[in-house]
Amino acid sequence: MPVRASIDPLEWENRFFAVNSAIVHFDERAPRLTPEALAGWSRVQAKVAASDTVRLDALQQLGFQLVEGEVDLALPVGNPADAGADVAVEADIAPLRELAAQAFAMSRFRAPWY
């Protein structure tokens, strides 16, 4: 099965991490995805359901490999009258980065990718 998709730069990641990465958006009306189209990127991500084995096989033939899985979780939340939130200021950046590093230690925004 040919993979038809557009390749779009991941603007925020590229600026923040100083990398050249992109994401594949599948679209049957898009051009066929080729090694030449992928060659200009240092990394390209594609999100594919584990059950979509045909697409997974086609991506592997293009050189893609599984580097990480993803799970979508949902948590219902209430609507409190006062959320108790404060607007962050510049002095909060360092502590917030530390908290984020601990909270997202297993995210895709870590070595060896970023």
N, C-alpha and C. Protein backbone atom coordinates (compact mmCIF):
# COMPACT_ATOMS: atom_id res chain seq x y z
N MET A 1 0.84 -1.18 0.00
CA MET A 1 0.00 0.00 0.00
C MET A 1 0.89 1.24 0.00
N PRO A 2 0.73 2.12 -0.94
CA PRO A 2 1.50 3.37 -0.90
C PRO A 2 0.98 4.27 0.22
N VAL A 3 1.89 4.97 0.84
CA VAL A 3 1.51 5.92 1.89
C VAL A 3 1.34 7.29 1.24
N ARG A 4 0.18 7.86 1.39
CA ARG A 4 -0.09 9.21 0.86
C ARG A 4 -0.23 10.14 2.05
N ALA A 5 0.62 11.17 2.06
CA ALA A 5 0.62 12.06 3.22
C ALA A 5 1.36 13.34 2.91
N SER A 6 1.03 14.36 3.69
CA SER A 6 1.81 15.60 3.64
C SER A 6 2.82 15.54 4.78
N ILE A 7 3.89 16.29 4.64
CA ILE A 7 4.90 16.39 5.69
C ILE A 7 4.92 17.84 6.14
N ASP A 8 4.64 18.05 7.41
CA ASP A 8 4.58 19.41 7.95
C ASP A 8 5.62 19.58 9.05
N PRO A 9 6.34 20.69 9.03
CA PRO A 9 7.35 20.92 10.08
C PRO A 9 6.70 21.07 11.44
N LEU A 10 7.40 20.61 12.46
CA LEU A 10 6.97 20.81 13.84
C LEU A 10 7.62 22.10 14.33
N GLU A 11 6.97 23.21 14.04
CA GLU A 11 7.56 24.53 14.24
C GLU A 11 8.05 24.76 15.67
N TRP A 12 7.19 24.48 16.64
CA TRP A 12 7.58 24.74 18.02
C TRP A 12 8.79 23.91 18.43
N GLU A 13 8.74 22.60 18.17
CA GLU A 13 9.85 21.72 18.53
C GLU A 13 11.13 22.15 17.83
N ASN A 14 11.02 22.52 16.56
CA ASN A 14 12.21 22.92 15.80
C ASN A 14 12.85 24.17 16.40
N ARG A 15 12.04 25.13 16.78
CA ARG A 15 12.59 26.36 17.39
C ARG A 15 13.14 26.07 18.79
N PHE A 16 12.37 25.39 19.61
CA PHE A 16 12.75 25.19 21.00
C PHE A 16 13.96 24.28 21.15
N PHE A 17 14.00 23.19 20.36
CA PHE A 17 15.08 22.22 20.48
C PHE A 17 16.16 22.38 19.42
N ALA A 18 16.00 23.33 18.52
CA ALA A 18 16.96 23.56 17.43
C ALA A 18 17.19 22.28 16.63
N VAL A 19 16.08 21.66 16.21
CA VAL A 19 16.15 20.45 15.39
C VAL A 19 15.38 20.70 14.09
N ASN A 20 15.38 19.70 13.23
CA ASN A 20 14.68 19.78 11.95
C ASN A 20 13.73 18.60 11.86
N SER A 21 12.58 18.70 12.55
CA SER A 21 11.67 17.57 12.60
C SER A 21 10.32 17.93 11.99
N ALA A 22 9.59 16.88 11.63
CA ALA A 22 8.30 17.06 10.96
C ALA A 22 7.35 15.96 11.38
N ILE A 23 6.09 16.14 11.00
CA ILE A 23 5.07 15.13 11.27
C ILE A 23 4.37 14.80 9.95
N VAL A 24 4.00 13.55 9.81
CA VAL A 24 3.28 13.08 8.64
C VAL A 24 1.78 13.18 8.92
N HIS A 25 1.05 13.79 8.01
CA HIS A 25 -0.42 13.83 8.09
C HIS A 25 -0.97 13.02 6.91
N PHE A 26 -1.58 11.90 7.23
CA PHE A 26 -2.09 11.00 6.20
C PHE A 26 -3.29 11.61 5.49
N ASP A 27 -3.27 11.49 4.17
CA ASP A 27 -4.35 12.05 3.35
C ASP A 27 -4.29 11.35 2.00
N GLU A 28 -5.35 10.65 1.65
CA GLU A 28 -5.37 9.90 0.39
C GLU A 28 -5.27 10.80 -0.84
N ARG A 29 -5.52 12.10 -0.68
CA ARG A 29 -5.40 13.04 -1.80
C ARG A 29 -3.99 13.63 -1.91
N ALA A 30 -3.16 13.36 -0.92
CA ALA A 30 -1.80 13.91 -0.89
C ALA A 30 -0.88 13.08 -1.80
N PRO A 31 0.29 13.62 -2.11
CA PRO A 31 1.24 12.85 -2.91
C PRO A 31 1.74 11.62 -2.16
N ARG A 32 2.27 10.70 -2.90
CA ARG A 32 2.85 9.50 -2.32
C ARG A 32 4.08 9.90 -1.50
N LEU A 33 4.20 9.34 -0.31
CA LEU A 33 5.35 9.59 0.55
C LEU A 33 6.54 8.80 0.02
N THR A 34 7.66 9.46 -0.17
CA THR A 34 8.85 8.82 -0.74
C THR A 34 10.06 9.06 0.15
N PRO A 35 11.09 8.22 0.01
CA PRO A 35 12.33 8.47 0.75
C PRO A 35 12.92 9.85 0.44
N GLU A 36 12.77 10.29 -0.80
CA GLU A 36 13.30 11.61 -1.18
C GLU A 36 12.58 12.73 -0.42
N ALA A 37 11.27 12.59 -0.24
CA ALA A 37 10.51 13.61 0.49
C ALA A 37 10.90 13.64 1.97
N LEU A 38 11.32 12.50 2.49
CA LEU A 38 11.70 12.41 3.90
C LEU A 38 13.15 12.81 4.15
N ALA A 39 13.96 12.80 3.11
CA ALA A 39 15.41 12.99 3.27
C ALA A 39 15.81 14.33 3.85
N GLY A 40 15.00 15.35 3.69
CA GLY A 40 15.37 16.68 4.18
C GLY A 40 15.15 16.88 5.67
N TRP A 41 14.64 15.89 6.36
CA TRP A 41 14.32 16.02 7.77
C TRP A 41 15.24 15.16 8.62
N SER A 42 15.62 15.65 9.80
CA SER A 42 16.44 14.84 10.70
C SER A 42 15.60 13.79 11.41
N ARG A 43 14.32 14.08 11.60
CA ARG A 43 13.39 13.09 12.17
C ARG A 43 11.98 13.44 11.72
N VAL A 44 11.20 12.39 11.49
CA VAL A 44 9.81 12.56 11.07
C VAL A 44 8.96 11.62 11.91
N GLN A 45 7.88 12.14 12.46
CA GLN A 45 7.00 11.29 13.25
C GLN A 45 5.69 11.05 12.52
N ALA A 46 5.12 9.90 12.81
CA ALA A 46 3.81 9.54 12.26
C ALA A 46 3.03 8.86 13.38
N LYS A 47 1.81 9.26 13.57
CA LYS A 47 0.97 8.64 14.59
C LYS A 47 0.01 7.69 13.90
N VAL A 48 0.13 6.42 14.27
CA VAL A 48 -0.64 5.36 13.61
C VAL A 48 -1.22 4.45 14.68
N ALA A 49 -2.47 4.08 14.53
CA ALA A 49 -3.10 3.14 15.46
C ALA A 49 -2.40 1.79 15.36
N ALA A 50 -2.23 1.14 16.49
CA ALA A 50 -1.57 -0.17 16.51
C ALA A 50 -2.32 -1.18 15.66
N SER A 51 -3.61 -1.00 15.48
CA SER A 51 -4.40 -1.93 14.68
C SER A 51 -4.25 -1.70 13.17
N ASP A 52 -3.64 -0.61 12.78
CA ASP A 52 -3.48 -0.28 11.35
C ASP A 52 -2.18 -0.89 10.83
N THR A 53 -2.16 -2.22 10.78
CA THR A 53 -0.93 -2.93 10.42
C THR A 53 -0.50 -2.70 8.97
N VAL A 54 -1.44 -2.46 8.09
CA VAL A 54 -1.09 -2.20 6.69
C VAL A 54 -0.28 -0.91 6.59
N ARG A 55 -0.75 0.13 7.25
CA ARG A 55 -0.03 1.41 7.23
C ARG A 55 1.31 1.28 7.96
N LEU A 56 1.34 0.56 9.07
CA LEU A 56 2.60 0.35 9.79
C LEU A 56 3.63 -0.35 8.91
N ASP A 57 3.19 -1.38 8.20
CA ASP A 57 4.10 -2.09 7.29
C ASP A 57 4.62 -1.16 6.19
N ALA A 58 3.73 -0.35 5.63
CA ALA A 58 4.13 0.57 4.56
C ALA A 58 5.14 1.59 5.08
N LEU A 59 4.94 2.09 6.29
CA LEU A 59 5.89 3.05 6.87
C LEU A 59 7.23 2.39 7.15
N GLN A 60 7.21 1.14 7.61
CA GLN A 60 8.48 0.43 7.83
C GLN A 60 9.25 0.26 6.53
N GLN A 61 8.55 0.05 5.44
CA GLN A 61 9.23 -0.06 4.15
C GLN A 61 9.88 1.25 3.74
N LEU A 62 9.40 2.36 4.29
CA LEU A 62 10.01 3.67 4.02
C LEU A 62 11.12 4.00 5.02
N GLY A 63 11.39 3.09 5.95
CA GLY A 63 12.47 3.30 6.91
C GLY A 63 12.03 3.74 8.28
N PHE A 64 10.72 3.90 8.50
CA PHE A 64 10.24 4.26 9.83
C PHE A 64 10.44 3.09 10.77
N GLN A 65 10.67 3.42 12.04
CA GLN A 65 10.75 2.39 13.06
C GLN A 65 10.05 2.88 14.33
N LEU A 66 9.50 1.94 15.07
CA LEU A 66 8.80 2.28 16.30
C LEU A 66 9.82 2.74 17.33
N VAL A 67 9.62 3.94 17.85
CA VAL A 67 10.51 4.43 18.90
C VAL A 67 9.75 4.68 20.19
N GLU A 68 8.45 4.77 20.11
CA GLU A 68 7.69 5.09 21.31
C GLU A 68 6.21 4.85 21.06
N GLY A 69 5.53 4.41 22.06
CA GLY A 69 4.09 4.24 21.97
C GLY A 69 3.38 5.40 22.65
N GLU A 70 2.11 5.51 22.41
CA GLU A 70 1.32 6.59 22.99
C GLU A 70 -0.04 6.05 23.37
N VAL A 71 -0.55 6.51 24.48
CA VAL A 71 -1.87 6.12 24.94
C VAL A 71 -2.67 7.39 25.20
N ASP A 72 -3.91 7.41 24.77
CA ASP A 72 -4.79 8.53 25.07
C ASP A 72 -5.62 8.19 26.30
N LEU A 73 -5.53 9.02 27.32
CA LEU A 73 -6.29 8.82 28.55
C LEU A 73 -7.22 10.00 28.75
N ALA A 74 -8.34 9.76 29.40
CA ALA A 74 -9.29 10.84 29.70
C ALA A 74 -9.61 10.82 31.19
N LEU A 75 -9.73 11.99 31.77
CA LEU A 75 -10.06 12.11 33.18
C LEU A 75 -11.14 13.18 33.33
N PRO A 76 -12.31 12.80 33.83
CA PRO A 76 -13.34 13.81 34.01
C PRO A 76 -12.95 14.75 35.15
N VAL A 77 -13.19 16.02 34.97
CA VAL A 77 -12.88 16.99 36.01
C VAL A 77 -14.13 17.81 36.31
N GLY A 78 -14.19 18.29 37.52
CA GLY A 78 -15.32 19.11 37.91
C GLY A 78 -15.13 20.54 37.44
N ASN A 79 -16.03 21.39 37.83
CA ASN A 79 -15.96 22.80 37.46
C ASN A 79 -15.99 23.63 38.75
N PRO A 80 -14.84 23.68 39.47
CA PRO A 80 -14.85 24.42 40.73
C PRO A 80 -15.05 25.92 40.49
N ALA A 81 -15.68 26.56 41.45
CA ALA A 81 -15.91 28.00 41.33
C ALA A 81 -14.60 28.77 41.29
N ASP A 82 -13.62 28.33 42.08
CA ASP A 82 -12.31 29.00 42.10
C ASP A 82 -11.24 27.95 41.89
N ALA A 83 -10.62 27.96 40.73
CA ALA A 83 -9.58 26.98 40.42
C ALA A 83 -8.31 27.24 41.20
N GLY A 84 -8.15 28.41 41.78
CA GLY A 84 -6.95 28.72 42.56
C GLY A 84 -5.72 28.88 41.70
N ALA A 85 -5.89 29.26 40.47
CA ALA A 85 -4.76 29.40 39.55
C ALA A 85 -4.20 30.81 39.61
N ASP A 86 -2.88 30.91 39.44
CA ASP A 86 -2.20 32.20 39.35
C ASP A 86 -1.51 32.29 38.01
N VAL A 87 -1.38 33.49 37.49
CA VAL A 87 -0.66 33.71 36.24
C VAL A 87 0.84 33.62 36.54
N ALA A 88 1.55 32.81 35.74
CA ALA A 88 2.99 32.66 35.93
C ALA A 88 3.71 33.92 35.46
N VAL A 89 4.84 34.19 36.12
CA VAL A 89 5.70 35.31 35.74
C VAL A 89 7.08 34.76 35.42
N GLU A 90 7.96 35.61 34.93
CA GLU A 90 9.28 35.16 34.49
C GLU A 90 10.03 34.40 35.59
N ALA A 91 9.89 34.81 36.83
CA ALA A 91 10.59 34.13 37.93
C ALA A 91 10.11 32.70 38.12
N ASP A 92 8.96 32.36 37.57
CA ASP A 92 8.41 31.01 37.70
C ASP A 92 8.95 30.03 36.66
N ILE A 93 9.68 30.51 35.67
CA ILE A 93 10.11 29.65 34.56
C ILE A 93 10.98 28.50 35.04
N ALA A 94 12.02 28.77 35.81
CA ALA A 94 12.93 27.70 36.26
C ALA A 94 12.20 26.64 37.09
N PRO A 95 11.42 27.02 38.11
CA PRO A 95 10.71 25.98 38.85
C PRO A 95 9.70 25.21 38.00
N LEU A 96 9.05 25.89 37.05
CA LEU A 96 8.10 25.20 36.18
C LEU A 96 8.80 24.21 35.27
N ARG A 97 9.99 24.58 34.77
CA ARG A 97 10.76 23.63 33.94
C ARG A 97 11.12 22.39 34.75
N GLU A 98 11.53 22.58 36.00
CA GLU A 98 11.88 21.44 36.85
C GLU A 98 10.66 20.55 37.08
N LEU A 99 9.53 21.16 37.38
CA LEU A 99 8.31 20.37 37.57
C LEU A 99 7.93 19.62 36.30
N ALA A 100 8.03 20.28 35.15
CA ALA A 100 7.70 19.63 33.88
C ALA A 100 8.65 18.48 33.59
N ALA A 101 9.94 18.66 33.90
CA ALA A 101 10.92 17.59 33.66
C ALA A 101 10.58 16.36 34.47
N GLN A 102 10.10 16.56 35.69
CA GLN A 102 9.71 15.43 36.54
C GLN A 102 8.40 14.81 36.08
N ALA A 103 7.46 15.65 35.70
CA ALA A 103 6.13 15.17 35.32
C ALA A 103 6.15 14.43 33.98
N PHE A 104 7.02 14.86 33.08
CA PHE A 104 7.04 14.29 31.73
C PHE A 104 8.35 13.58 31.44
N ALA A 105 8.89 12.89 32.43
CA ALA A 105 10.17 12.21 32.27
C ALA A 105 10.12 11.15 31.17
N MET A 106 8.95 10.64 30.88
CA MET A 106 8.83 9.60 29.85
C MET A 106 8.19 10.12 28.57
N SER A 107 8.21 11.42 28.35
CA SER A 107 7.60 11.97 27.14
C SER A 107 8.55 11.85 25.96
N ARG A 108 8.06 12.20 24.77
CA ARG A 108 8.91 12.17 23.58
C ARG A 108 9.93 13.29 23.59
N PHE A 109 9.76 14.27 24.48
CA PHE A 109 10.69 15.40 24.54
C PHE A 109 11.86 15.08 25.46
N ARG A 110 12.57 14.01 25.17
CA ARG A 110 13.72 13.60 25.97
C ARG A 110 14.75 12.97 25.05
N ALA A 111 15.94 12.76 25.59
CA ALA A 111 17.00 12.09 24.82
C ALA A 111 16.52 10.68 24.48
N PRO A 112 16.87 10.14 23.36
CA PRO A 112 17.83 10.66 22.38
C PRO A 112 17.19 11.54 21.31
N TRP A 113 15.87 11.76 21.38
CA TRP A 113 15.20 12.50 20.31
C TRP A 113 15.35 14.00 20.46
N TYR A 114 15.31 14.49 21.70
CA TYR A 114 15.44 15.93 21.95
C TYR A 114 16.42 16.16 23.07
